[in-house]
Structure formats: C-alpha cells, structure tokens
C-alpha cells in the first residue's frame, strides 16, 4: 500500500509541471471542495477557538494577566487551531468527496476508458484535485484564523473582562509573520496530503460499490494519521529552528 501511494505521489508531482494544465477541472474541483468545506469549517472553528481561548484566559486570569489574552489567542489560533481545523475539514469532507468521485469512476470503468484513449488519469483527474485541495486548504486556514481572532476578541473582552486595546496590542507579542507563514505552510501540506490520499484510494478502488465505501472510510483514517503526524513534525522542526 505504501509503495503504491509513493508511486501515486511521485506521478502527481511529475505531472504538475507538465502541459497541458487542466485549469477548468482545477477550478471546478476547487469550487466543489470549497462548497462542501466552508460550512463545516465555520461550524467547527467557532466552538473550537472559543474552547481553547477560554482555557488560556482562565490561566491568564489566575496570574492577573487577562489583558494578555490577545497573545494567547494569537498563538493558539495562528499556530495550531487554524491548521488543525483545516486538517479535520479537508480530510473529513474534501478528501472523502474526492475519493468517492474517483472511486465511482473506477468501478464504472471510466478510468480504464481514459487510459485506452491515451489519457493519463493522473494528469487529467488527480493533479487538478490535489492542487484544488491544497489551494482550498490555504483559504480555509485564513478563514479559520480570521474567525478565531474575532471570536477570541468577543469572548475575551465581553465575557472574561479583557481590555479591548490590550487584547489588540498584545496579539503580536508572541506571534508574527513567521508564525503566520508556518501556519499557512501547514495548511498547504495538509491539503496536499489529504488530496493525495483521497485520489490514491479512489483510483485503486476494488470490489464495486462496497469497495467505494471502504475506500472513503480508509481516506478519513489514513488522512488523519498522516496529517497529525505531519503537524507534529512541522511543529517540532519550526519550534527548534
């Protein structure tokens, strides 16, 4: 399985830099993934951000530092919450939709038909979907970051007694452009990995409709494992760099 996944990933990266580029398919898939991901992202980001920021503010209030809640919100949202929520949504909604689509094409023998016509399914179908998942993950990360900061401000100022000016001024105390860049990099890698997993399992479906369902379930599990592993590695490397 791992060997086949590496082959799929290598072929995908190889075809990314070859013409013709399937722009129409890319735009269609980006819109499709965004349409199934935006609402879950909003529904997850608000309670997720509020829960974490509430815990941080409790600690700060115990030491008399509630006016530094902006720093805690910035660290939590920009470094971790944005990419993590992106992980959950892109893998749980986007990658599974990709897998189901390609798996359905596989059992209907559409992929075999494209190969007979001399069209490589990797270049025609996989590359646009992987690129679309990567781009949508970037936008979702920005959306979660914005929602998290605004939600953290409202929650900290109006419910936990933080000073509005201090909250805003302390946002950049522990976080900066480099942290935003790392969070964006995480989101891009997460989107890339989830897209690769969904495409790989989709184009290798076996066993008819039952196989499609099993592949979708495997997509969720494998994506979560890879994405949390990647998050741990990136976080460890960036914190010690």
C-alpha atoms as a PDB file:
ATOM      1  CA  UNK A   1       0.000   0.000   0.000  1.00  0.00           C
ATOM      2  CA  UNK A   2       2.731   2.450   0.953  1.00  0.00           C
ATOM      3  CA  UNK A   3       4.675   1.691  -2.188  1.00  0.00           C
ATOM      4  CA  UNK A   4       1.616   2.347  -4.354  1.00  0.00           C
ATOM      5  CA  UNK A   5       0.972   5.600  -2.501  1.00  0.00           C
ATOM      6  CA  UNK A   6       4.529   6.779  -3.133  1.00  0.00           C
ATOM      7  CA  UNK A   7       4.125   5.954  -6.820  1.00  0.00           C
ATOM      8  CA  UNK A   8       0.884   7.952  -6.985  1.00  0.00           C
ATOM      9  CA  UNK A   9       2.517  10.886  -5.204  1.00  0.00           C
ATOM     10  CA  UNK A  10       5.564  10.807  -7.498  1.00  0.00           C
ATOM     11  CA  UNK A  11       3.448  10.636 -10.645  1.00  0.00           C
ATOM     12  CA  UNK A  12       1.294  13.506  -9.370  1.00  0.00           C
ATOM     13  CA  UNK A  13       4.288  15.753  -8.679  1.00  0.00           C
ATOM     14  CA  UNK A  14       5.787  14.852 -12.045  1.00  0.00           C
ATOM     15  CA  UNK A  15       2.658  15.788 -13.970  1.00  0.00           C
ATOM     16  CA  UNK A  16       2.176  19.042 -12.033  1.00  0.00           C
ATOM     17  CA  UNK A  17       4.914  20.616 -14.127  1.00  0.00           C
ATOM     18  CA  UNK A  18       3.829  19.214 -17.479  1.00  0.00           C
ATOM     19  CA  UNK A  19       1.438  20.656 -20.001  1.00  0.00           C
ATOM     20  CA  UNK A  20      -1.421  20.736 -20.655  1.00  0.00           C
ATOM     21  CA  UNK A  21      -2.640  22.041 -17.316  1.00  0.00           C
ATOM     22  CA  UNK A  22      -6.275  21.148 -16.625  1.00  0.00           C
ATOM     23  CA  UNK A  23      -7.373  24.602 -15.461  1.00  0.00           C
ATOM     24  CA  UNK A  24     -11.087  24.016 -15.997  1.00  0.00           C
ATOM     25  CA  UNK A  25     -11.015  20.818 -13.960  1.00  0.00           C
ATOM     26  CA  UNK A  26      -8.945  22.557 -11.282  1.00  0.00           C
ATOM     27  CA  UNK A  27     -11.432  25.425 -10.930  1.00  0.00           C
ATOM     28  CA  UNK A  28     -14.371  23.021 -10.895  1.00  0.00           C
ATOM     29  CA  UNK A  29     -12.802  20.871  -8.178  1.00  0.00           C
ATOM     30  CA  UNK A  30     -11.708  23.879  -6.113  1.00  0.00           C
ATOM     31  CA  UNK A  31     -15.276  25.187  -6.118  1.00  0.00           C
ATOM     32  CA  UNK A  32     -16.617  21.726  -5.305  1.00  0.00           C
ATOM     33  CA  UNK A  33     -14.241  21.188  -2.363  1.00  0.00           C
ATOM     34  CA  UNK A  34     -14.878  24.700  -1.058  1.00  0.00           C
ATOM     35  CA  UNK A  35     -18.646  24.207  -1.278  1.00  0.00           C
ATOM     36  CA  UNK A  36     -18.525  21.083   0.899  1.00  0.00           C
ATOM     37  CA  UNK A  37     -15.945  22.517   3.324  1.00  0.00           C
ATOM     38  CA  UNK A  38     -16.833  26.135   4.129  1.00  0.00           C
ATOM     39  CA  UNK A  39     -19.879  25.477   6.318  1.00  0.00           C
ATOM     40  CA  UNK A  40     -18.209  22.679   8.353  1.00  0.00           C
ATOM     41  CA  UNK A  41     -15.181  24.949   8.762  1.00  0.00           C
ATOM     42  CA  UNK A  42     -17.273  27.746  10.236  1.00  0.00           C
ATOM     43  CA  UNK A  43     -19.225  25.367  12.456  1.00  0.00           C
ATOM     44  CA  UNK A  44     -16.017  23.830  13.818  1.00  0.00           C
ATOM     45  CA  UNK A  45     -13.816  26.903  14.078  1.00  0.00           C
ATOM     46  CA  UNK A  46     -16.071  28.952  16.375  1.00  0.00           C
ATOM     47  CA  UNK A  47     -16.528  26.431  19.245  1.00  0.00           C
ATOM     48  CA  UNK A  48     -13.005  25.052  18.796  1.00  0.00           C
ATOM     49  CA  UNK A  49     -11.407  28.506  19.086  1.00  0.00           C
ATOM     50  CA  UNK A  50     -13.641  29.605  21.952  1.00  0.00           C
ATOM     51  CA  UNK A  51     -12.915  26.436  23.930  1.00  0.00           C
ATOM     52  CA  UNK A  52      -9.133  26.765  23.632  1.00  0.00           C
ATOM     53  CA  UNK A  53      -9.075  30.529  24.216  1.00  0.00           C
ATOM     54  CA  UNK A  54     -11.342  30.120  27.264  1.00  0.00           C
ATOM     55  CA  UNK A  55      -8.860  27.695  28.819  1.00  0.00           C
ATOM     56  CA  UNK A  56      -5.927  30.005  28.088  1.00  0.00           C
ATOM     57  CA  UNK A  57      -7.756  33.003  29.557  1.00  0.00           C
ATOM     58  CA  UNK A  58      -8.542  31.073  32.732  1.00  0.00           C
ATOM     59  CA  UNK A  59      -4.829  30.542  33.271  1.00  0.00           C
ATOM     60  CA  UNK A  60      -4.033  34.180  32.474  1.00  0.00           C
ATOM     61  CA  UNK A  61      -6.731  35.448  34.841  1.00  0.00           C
ATOM     62  CA  UNK A  62      -5.274  33.359  37.685  1.00  0.00           C
ATOM     63  CA  UNK A  63      -1.946  35.195  37.350  1.00  0.00           C
ATOM     64  CA  UNK A  64      -3.516  38.595  36.679  1.00  0.00           C
ATOM     65  CA  UNK A  65      -2.629  38.674  33.019  1.00  0.00           C
ATOM     66  CA  UNK A  66      -6.032  38.650  31.356  1.00  0.00           C
ATOM     67  CA  UNK A  67      -5.044  41.707  29.270  1.00  0.00           C
ATOM     68  CA  UNK A  68      -2.501  39.456  27.552  1.00  0.00           C
ATOM     69  CA  UNK A  69      -5.286  37.262  26.248  1.00  0.00           C
ATOM     70  CA  UNK A  70      -4.592  38.543  22.744  1.00  0.00           C
ATOM     71  CA  UNK A  71      -1.187  36.855  22.835  1.00  0.00           C
ATOM     72  CA  UNK A  72      -2.728  33.561  23.889  1.00  0.00           C
ATOM     73  CA  UNK A  73      -5.390  33.806  21.214  1.00  0.00           C
ATOM     74  CA  UNK A  74      -2.779  34.613  18.569  1.00  0.00           C
ATOM     75  CA  UNK A  75      -0.559  31.686  19.489  1.00  0.00           C
ATOM     76  CA  UNK A  76      -3.460  29.238  19.724  1.00  0.00           C
ATOM     77  CA  UNK A  77      -5.279  30.276  16.550  1.00  0.00           C
ATOM     78  CA  UNK A  78      -2.416  31.111  14.193  1.00  0.00           C
ATOM     79  CA  UNK A  79      -0.025  28.304  15.118  1.00  0.00           C
ATOM     80  CA  UNK A  80      -2.339  25.398  15.807  1.00  0.00           C
ATOM     81  CA  UNK A  81      -6.117  25.852  15.633  1.00  0.00           C
ATOM     82  CA  UNK A  82      -6.206  27.147  12.049  1.00  0.00           C
ATOM     83  CA  UNK A  83      -4.181  24.270  10.575  1.00  0.00           C
ATOM     84  CA  UNK A  84      -5.818  21.640  12.810  1.00  0.00           C
ATOM     85  CA  UNK A  85      -9.378  22.636  11.882  1.00  0.00           C
ATOM     86  CA  UNK A  86      -8.222  22.674   8.267  1.00  0.00           C
ATOM     87  CA  UNK A  87      -6.992  19.095   8.789  1.00  0.00           C
ATOM     88  CA  UNK A  88     -10.320  17.914  10.080  1.00  0.00           C
ATOM     89  CA  UNK A  89     -12.448  19.601   7.424  1.00  0.00           C
ATOM     90  CA  UNK A  90     -10.317  18.978   4.341  1.00  0.00           C
ATOM     91  CA  UNK A  91      -9.736  15.332   5.260  1.00  0.00           C
ATOM     92  CA  UNK A  92     -13.250  14.679   6.532  1.00  0.00           C
ATOM     93  CA  UNK A  93     -15.193  16.486   3.801  1.00  0.00           C
ATOM     94  CA  UNK A  94     -12.945  17.298   0.851  1.00  0.00           C
ATOM     95  CA  UNK A  95     -10.776  14.184   0.597  1.00  0.00           C
ATOM     96  CA  UNK A  96     -13.693  11.815   1.118  1.00  0.00           C
ATOM     97  CA  UNK A  97     -15.665  13.555  -1.636  1.00  0.00           C
ATOM     98  CA  UNK A  98     -12.667  13.227  -3.955  1.00  0.00           C
ATOM     99  CA  UNK A  99     -12.294   9.541  -3.104  1.00  0.00           C
ATOM    100  CA  UNK A 100     -15.987   8.833  -3.658  1.00  0.00           C
ATOM    101  CA  UNK A 101     -15.941  10.619  -7.019  1.00  0.00           C
ATOM    102  CA  UNK A 102     -12.855   8.838  -8.352  1.00  0.00           C
ATOM    103  CA  UNK A 103     -13.954   5.525  -6.848  1.00  0.00           C
ATOM    104  CA  UNK A 104     -17.278   5.749  -8.652  1.00  0.00           C
ATOM    105  CA  UNK A 105     -15.455   6.453 -11.902  1.00  0.00           C
ATOM    106  CA  UNK A 106     -13.204   3.472 -11.260  1.00  0.00           C
ATOM    107  CA  UNK A 107     -15.988   0.925 -10.736  1.00  0.00           C
ATOM    108  CA  UNK A 108     -17.773   2.281 -13.843  1.00  0.00           C
ATOM    109  CA  UNK A 109     -14.508   1.653 -15.720  1.00  0.00           C
ATOM    110  CA  UNK A 110     -14.255   5.291 -16.777  1.00  0.00           C
ATOM    111  CA  UNK A 111     -10.606   5.433 -15.712  1.00  0.00           C
ATOM    112  CA  UNK A 112      -9.807   2.378 -17.825  1.00  0.00           C
ATOM    113  CA  UNK A 113     -11.550   4.037 -20.764  1.00  0.00           C
ATOM    114  CA  UNK A 114      -9.412   7.168 -20.430  1.00  0.00           C
ATOM    115  CA  UNK A 115      -6.261   5.049 -20.463  1.00  0.00           C
ATOM    116  CA  UNK A 116      -7.459   3.294 -23.620  1.00  0.00           C
ATOM    117  CA  UNK A 117      -7.863   6.722 -25.216  1.00  0.00           C
ATOM    118  CA  UNK A 118      -4.262   7.550 -24.299  1.00  0.00           C
ATOM    119  CA  UNK A 119      -5.160   9.955 -21.481  1.00  0.00           C
ATOM    120  CA  UNK A 120      -3.327   9.501 -18.194  1.00  0.00           C
ATOM    121  CA  UNK A 121      -5.832   9.625 -15.276  1.00  0.00           C
ATOM    122  CA  UNK A 122      -3.137  11.043 -13.013  1.00  0.00           C
ATOM    123  CA  UNK A 123      -2.619  14.082 -15.220  1.00  0.00           C
ATOM    124  CA  UNK A 124      -6.247  14.527 -16.190  1.00  0.00           C
ATOM    125  CA  UNK A 125      -8.021  13.841 -12.883  1.00  0.00           C
ATOM    126  CA  UNK A 126      -5.610  13.515  -9.950  1.00  0.00           C
ATOM    127  CA  UNK A 127      -3.382  16.582 -10.403  1.00  0.00           C
ATOM    128  CA  UNK A 128      -6.270  19.112 -10.584  1.00  0.00           C
ATOM    129  CA  UNK A 129      -7.869  17.609  -7.474  1.00  0.00           C
ATOM    130  CA  UNK A 130      -4.650  17.636  -5.457  1.00  0.00           C
ATOM    131  CA  UNK A 131      -3.940  21.247  -6.439  1.00  0.00           C
ATOM    132  CA  UNK A 132      -7.527  22.217  -5.655  1.00  0.00           C
ATOM    133  CA  UNK A 133      -7.346  20.605  -2.193  1.00  0.00           C
ATOM    134  CA  UNK A 134      -4.097  22.469  -1.495  1.00  0.00           C
ATOM    135  CA  UNK A 135      -5.448  25.871  -2.548  1.00  0.00           C
ATOM    136  CA  UNK A 136      -8.747  25.431  -0.698  1.00  0.00           C
ATOM    137  CA  UNK A 137      -6.863  24.405   2.452  1.00  0.00           C
ATOM    138  CA  UNK A 138      -4.920  27.679   2.285  1.00  0.00           C
ATOM    139  CA  UNK A 139      -8.114  29.714   2.092  1.00  0.00           C
ATOM    140  CA  UNK A 140      -9.767  27.674   4.842  1.00  0.00           C
ATOM    141  CA  UNK A 141      -6.790  28.291   7.108  1.00  0.00           C
ATOM    142  CA  UNK A 142      -7.147  32.030   6.552  1.00  0.00           C
ATOM    143  CA  UNK A 143     -10.871  31.804   7.252  1.00  0.00           C
ATOM    144  CA  UNK A 144     -10.349  29.891  10.500  1.00  0.00           C
ATOM    145  CA  UNK A 145      -7.636  32.332  11.600  1.00  0.00           C
ATOM    146  CA  UNK A 146      -9.871  35.362  10.999  1.00  0.00           C
ATOM    147  CA  UNK A 147     -12.891  33.767  12.680  1.00  0.00           C
ATOM    148  CA  UNK A 148     -10.753  32.603  15.609  1.00  0.00           C
ATOM    149  CA  UNK A 149      -9.207  36.011  16.257  1.00  0.00           C
ATOM    150  CA  UNK A 150     -12.550  37.822  16.033  1.00  0.00           C
ATOM    151  CA  UNK A 151     -14.273  35.191  18.165  1.00  0.00           C
ATOM    152  CA  UNK A 152     -11.446  35.306  20.693  1.00  0.00           C
ATOM    153  CA  UNK A 153     -11.746  39.097  20.905  1.00  0.00           C
ATOM    154  CA  UNK A 154     -15.507  38.995  21.504  1.00  0.00           C
ATOM    155  CA  UNK A 155     -15.239  36.192  24.046  1.00  0.00           C
ATOM    156  CA  UNK A 156     -12.255  37.661  25.919  1.00  0.00           C
ATOM    157  CA  UNK A 157     -13.474  41.264  26.031  1.00  0.00           C
ATOM    158  CA  UNK A 158     -17.200  40.847  26.619  1.00  0.00           C
ATOM    159  CA  UNK A 159     -17.258  37.676  28.699  1.00  0.00           C
ATOM    160  CA  UNK A 160     -13.918  37.495  30.512  1.00  0.00           C
ATOM    161  CA  UNK A 161     -13.157  41.146  31.149  1.00  0.00           C
ATOM    162  CA  UNK A 162     -10.136  41.744  28.942  1.00  0.00           C
ATOM    163  CA  UNK A 163      -9.340  45.295  27.812  1.00  0.00           C
ATOM    164  CA  UNK A 164     -10.038  45.780  24.082  1.00  0.00           C
ATOM    165  CA  UNK A 165      -6.922  47.869  23.434  1.00  0.00           C
ATOM    166  CA  UNK A 166      -4.656  45.500  25.351  1.00  0.00           C
ATOM    167  CA  UNK A 167      -6.102  42.492  23.528  1.00  0.00           C
ATOM    168  CA  UNK A 168      -5.324  44.019  20.140  1.00  0.00           C
ATOM    169  CA  UNK A 169      -1.896  45.341  21.082  1.00  0.00           C
ATOM    170  CA  UNK A 170      -0.800  42.021  22.594  1.00  0.00           C
ATOM    171  CA  UNK A 171      -1.745  39.998  19.514  1.00  0.00           C
ATOM    172  CA  UNK A 172       1.708  40.460  18.010  1.00  0.00           C
ATOM    173  CA  UNK A 173       3.564  39.951  21.297  1.00  0.00           C
ATOM    174  CA  UNK A 174       4.239  36.234  20.788  1.00  0.00           C
ATOM    175  CA  UNK A 175       3.278  35.777  17.140  1.00  0.00           C
ATOM    176  CA  UNK A 176       4.474  37.409  13.954  1.00  0.00           C
ATOM    177  CA  UNK A 177       4.778  37.000  10.239  1.00  0.00           C
ATOM    178  CA  UNK A 178       6.881  33.863  10.615  1.00  0.00           C
ATOM    179  CA  UNK A 179       4.155  32.162  12.663  1.00  0.00           C
ATOM    180  CA  UNK A 180       1.543  33.064  10.070  1.00  0.00           C
ATOM    181  CA  UNK A 181       3.820  31.687   7.358  1.00  0.00           C
ATOM    182  CA  UNK A 182       4.282  28.426   9.284  1.00  0.00           C
ATOM    183  CA  UNK A 183       0.528  28.074   9.782  1.00  0.00           C
ATOM    184  CA  UNK A 184      -0.015  28.678   6.065  1.00  0.00           C
ATOM    185  CA  UNK A 185       2.670  26.117   5.203  1.00  0.00           C
ATOM    186  CA  UNK A 186       0.990  23.567   7.455  1.00  0.00           C
ATOM    187  CA  UNK A 187      -2.366  24.151   5.794  1.00  0.00           C
ATOM    188  CA  UNK A 188      -0.866  23.738   2.314  1.00  0.00           C
ATOM    189  CA  UNK A 189       0.872  20.489   3.263  1.00  0.00           C
ATOM    190  CA  UNK A 190      -2.283  19.178   4.932  1.00  0.00           C
ATOM    191  CA  UNK A 191      -4.352  19.953   1.841  1.00  0.00           C
ATOM    192  CA  UNK A 192      -1.747  18.330  -0.402  1.00  0.00           C
ATOM    193  CA  UNK A 193      -1.589  15.154   1.692  1.00  0.00           C
ATOM    194  CA  UNK A 194      -5.339  14.796   2.049  1.00  0.00           C
ATOM    195  CA  UNK A 195      -5.805  15.305  -1.683  1.00  0.00           C
ATOM    196  CA  UNK A 196      -3.168  12.682  -2.449  1.00  0.00           C
ATOM    197  CA  UNK A 197      -4.740  10.173  -0.058  1.00  0.00           C
ATOM    198  CA  UNK A 198      -8.235  10.699  -1.428  1.00  0.00           C
ATOM    199  CA  UNK A 199      -7.070  10.389  -5.036  1.00  0.00           C
ATOM    200  CA  UNK A 200      -4.848   7.383  -4.383  1.00  0.00           C
ATOM    201  CA  UNK A 201      -7.538   5.363  -2.641  1.00  0.00           C
ATOM    202  CA  UNK A 202     -10.177   6.477  -5.145  1.00  0.00           C
ATOM    203  CA  UNK A 203      -8.336   5.363  -8.278  1.00  0.00           C
ATOM    204  CA  UNK A 204      -7.476   1.999  -6.716  1.00  0.00           C
ATOM    205  CA  UNK A 205     -10.950   1.007  -5.564  1.00  0.00           C
ATOM    206  CA  UNK A 206     -11.824  -2.669  -5.868  1.00  0.00           C
ATOM    207  CA  UNK A 207     -14.962  -4.642  -5.107  1.00  0.00           C
ATOM    208  CA  UNK A 208     -17.736  -2.497  -6.567  1.00  0.00           C
ATOM    209  CA  UNK A 209     -19.867  -0.060  -4.542  1.00  0.00           C
ATOM    210  CA  UNK A 210     -18.836  -1.731  -1.280  1.00  0.00           C
ATOM    211  CA  UNK A 211     -15.209  -1.035  -2.152  1.00  0.00           C
ATOM    212  CA  UNK A 212     -16.008   2.648  -2.662  1.00  0.00           C
ATOM    213  CA  UNK A 213     -17.476   2.883   0.835  1.00  0.00           C
ATOM    214  CA  UNK A 214     -14.457   1.137   2.343  1.00  0.00           C
ATOM    215  CA  UNK A 215     -12.091   3.438   0.454  1.00  0.00           C
ATOM    216  CA  UNK A 216     -13.920   6.513   1.785  1.00  0.00           C
ATOM    217  CA  UNK A 217     -13.587   5.222   5.356  1.00  0.00           C
ATOM    218  CA  UNK A 218      -9.900   4.496   4.789  1.00  0.00           C
ATOM    219  CA  UNK A 219      -9.439   8.012   3.434  1.00  0.00           C
ATOM    220  CA  UNK A 220     -10.590   9.546   6.709  1.00  0.00           C
ATOM    221  CA  UNK A 221      -8.398   7.308   8.871  1.00  0.00           C
ATOM    222  CA  UNK A 222      -5.254   7.499   6.742  1.00  0.00           C
ATOM    223  CA  UNK A 223      -5.618  11.255   6.213  1.00  0.00           C
ATOM    224  CA  UNK A 224      -5.950  11.955   9.932  1.00  0.00           C
ATOM    225  CA  UNK A 225      -2.916   9.808  10.744  1.00  0.00           C
ATOM    226  CA  UNK A 226      -0.729  11.452   8.091  1.00  0.00           C
ATOM    227  CA  UNK A 227      -1.900  14.962   8.850  1.00  0.00           C
ATOM    228  CA  UNK A 228      -1.398  14.783  12.603  1.00  0.00           C
ATOM    229  CA  UNK A 229       1.996  13.173  12.042  1.00  0.00           C
ATOM    230  CA  UNK A 230       2.936  15.956   9.629  1.00  0.00           C
ATOM    231  CA  UNK A 231       1.702  18.551  12.113  1.00  0.00           C
ATOM    232  CA  UNK A 232       3.867  17.087  14.867  1.00  0.00           C
ATOM    233  CA  UNK A 233       6.953  17.012  12.641  1.00  0.00           C
ATOM    234  CA  UNK A 234       6.488  20.566  11.314  1.00  0.00           C
ATOM    235  CA  UNK A 235       5.756  21.977  14.768  1.00  0.00           C
ATOM    236  CA  UNK A 236       8.827  20.286  16.251  1.00  0.00           C
ATOM    237  CA  UNK A 237      11.107  21.493  13.470  1.00  0.00           C
ATOM    238  CA  UNK A 238       9.834  25.084  13.494  1.00  0.00           C
ATOM    239  CA  UNK A 239       9.920  25.456  17.284  1.00  0.00           C
ATOM    240  CA  UNK A 240      13.561  24.352  17.368  1.00  0.00           C
ATOM    241  CA  UNK A 241      14.705  26.308  14.303  1.00  0.00           C
END
